Amino acid sequence: MDVVNVRQLKNNPSEALRNAAKGPVLVMKGDSPTAWILGLGNGNVPDELELRLALAASLFRDRVLSLGRAAKLAGIGVGQMISHLSRLGLTIGDDDQDVEADIETIDQWLASS
């Protein structure tokens, strides 16, 4: 998945469209995902869950989101997110900060239940 910021998109929209023919292109405004550009030439349009999973996995892989936050973005449980990441060949790190952030997220979810 390619990622472009708004300035790059404004300066060279043709490149973003060419990349969209290969796969989804995520448009970022600052540090926040703003939009997707999807190539429709192949007729295979992913559904919202597929897009959320792809975004969450990509941001987790790039260490922008913790495991818990990636699961929340995807709209699935942490266990399901672990399974999804495993299918993609991504490993779950044991960085102490990641673990603490994940525990905090899980505690918040449990408290809100």
Protein backbone atom coordinates (compact mmCIF):
# COMPACT_ATOMS: atom_id res chain seq x y z
CA MET A 1 0.00 0.00 0.00
CA ASP A 2 1.32 3.41 -0.93
CA VAL A 3 0.96 6.46 1.29
CA VAL A 4 0.97 10.07 0.10
CA ASN A 5 0.46 13.30 1.94
CA VAL A 6 -1.87 16.02 0.70
CA ARG A 7 1.00 18.12 -0.68
CA GLN A 8 2.35 15.19 -2.72
CA LEU A 9 -1.14 14.49 -4.03
CA LYS A 10 -1.61 18.13 -5.02
CA ASN A 11 1.80 18.29 -6.74
CA ASN A 12 1.51 14.99 -8.63
CA PRO A 13 -1.99 13.47 -8.71
CA SER A 14 -1.10 11.33 -11.75
CA GLU A 15 1.48 9.38 -9.74
CA ALA A 16 -1.06 8.65 -7.03
CA LEU A 17 -3.55 7.43 -9.64
CA ARG A 18 -0.92 5.18 -11.27
CA ASN A 19 -0.10 3.72 -7.86
CA ALA A 20 -3.80 3.22 -7.14
CA ALA A 21 -3.98 0.90 -10.14
CA LYS A 22 -1.58 -1.40 -8.23
CA GLY A 23 -3.27 -1.15 -4.83
CA PRO A 24 -4.95 1.24 -2.38
CA VAL A 25 -3.23 4.58 -1.79
CA LEU A 26 -3.68 6.15 1.63
CA VAL A 27 -3.82 9.96 1.75
CA MET A 28 -2.49 11.48 4.97
CA LYS A 29 -3.11 14.98 6.28
CA GLY A 30 -0.46 15.54 8.88
CA ASP A 31 -0.36 12.38 10.99
CA SER A 32 -3.96 11.41 10.29
CA PRO A 33 -5.29 9.18 7.52
CA THR A 34 -7.75 11.24 5.50
CA ALA A 35 -8.79 9.29 2.42
CA TRP A 36 -8.20 6.26 0.23
CA ILE A 37 -7.61 6.30 -3.49
CA LEU A 38 -8.75 3.04 -5.06
CA GLY A 39 -8.08 1.99 -8.61
CA LEU A 40 -11.31 0.67 -10.08
CA GLY A 41 -9.85 -0.62 -13.34
CA ASN A 42 -9.70 -4.24 -12.17
CA GLY A 43 -13.28 -4.22 -10.85
CA ASN A 44 -12.12 -5.61 -7.51
CA VAL A 45 -13.17 -3.01 -4.95
CA PRO A 46 -12.26 -3.93 -1.35
CA ASP A 47 -14.95 -3.56 1.29
CA GLU A 48 -14.61 -1.33 4.35
CA LEU A 49 -13.36 -4.13 6.61
CA GLU A 50 -10.60 -5.02 4.13
CA LEU A 51 -9.53 -1.38 3.99
CA ARG A 52 -9.56 -0.99 7.76
CA LEU A 53 -7.53 -4.20 8.17
CA ALA A 54 -5.01 -3.06 5.56
CA LEU A 55 -4.66 0.36 7.16
CA ALA A 56 -4.34 -1.04 10.67
CA ALA A 57 -1.78 -3.67 9.62
CA SER A 58 0.26 -1.09 7.72
CA LEU A 59 0.28 1.38 10.59
CA PHE A 60 1.13 -1.42 13.05
CA ARG A 61 3.96 -2.63 10.80
CA ASP A 62 5.35 0.91 10.62
CA ARG A 63 5.08 1.17 14.44
CA VAL A 64 2.64 4.08 14.24
CA LEU A 65 -0.02 2.12 16.17
CA SER A 66 0.23 -0.40 18.97
CA LEU A 67 -1.47 -3.77 18.62
CA GLY A 68 -4.47 -2.65 20.64
CA ARG A 69 -4.93 0.55 18.72
CA ALA A 70 -4.55 -1.26 15.40
CA ALA A 71 -7.28 -3.70 16.45
CA LYS A 72 -9.53 -0.82 17.45
CA LEU A 73 -8.98 0.94 14.11
CA ALA A 74 -9.77 -2.30 12.25
CA GLY A 75 -12.91 -2.76 14.36
CA ILE A 76 -11.93 -6.25 15.52
CA GLY A 77 -10.69 -7.86 18.72
CA VAL A 78 -7.03 -8.03 19.67
CA GLY A 79 -6.97 -11.83 19.14
CA GLN A 80 -8.40 -11.44 15.65
CA MET A 81 -5.84 -8.74 14.91
CA ILE A 82 -3.01 -11.02 16.04
CA SER A 83 -4.33 -13.73 13.71
CA HIS A 84 -4.58 -11.28 10.82
CA LEU A 85 -1.05 -9.97 11.38
CA SER A 86 0.26 -13.53 11.59
CA ARG A 87 -1.35 -14.39 8.24
CA LEU A 88 0.46 -11.38 6.78
CA GLY A 89 3.75 -12.60 8.23
CA LEU A 90 4.05 -9.71 10.67
CA THR A 91 5.40 -10.51 14.11
CA ILE A 92 4.10 -9.05 17.32
CA GLY A 93 7.01 -7.26 18.98
CA ASP A 94 7.75 -7.46 22.65
CA ASP A 95 8.87 -3.87 23.05
CA ASP A 96 8.06 -2.89 26.65
CA GLN A 97 6.39 0.35 25.55
CA ASP A 98 4.17 -1.52 23.08
CA VAL A 99 3.18 -4.04 25.73
CA GLU A 100 2.35 -1.30 28.24
CA ALA A 101 0.28 0.61 25.65
CA ASP A 102 -1.57 -2.59 24.71
CA ILE A 103 -2.31 -3.41 28.35
CA GLU A 104 -3.60 0.12 28.89
CA THR A 105 -5.86 -0.17 25.81
CA ILE A 106 -7.19 -3.55 26.95
CA ASP A 107 -7.84 -2.20 30.46
CA GLN A 108 -9.78 0.72 28.96
CA TRP A 109 -11.84 -1.64 26.80
CA LEU A 110 -12.61 -3.87 29.77
CA ALA A 111 -13.58 -0.88 31.93
CA SER A 112 -15.99 0.37 29.26
CA SER A 113 -17.69 -3.02 28.88
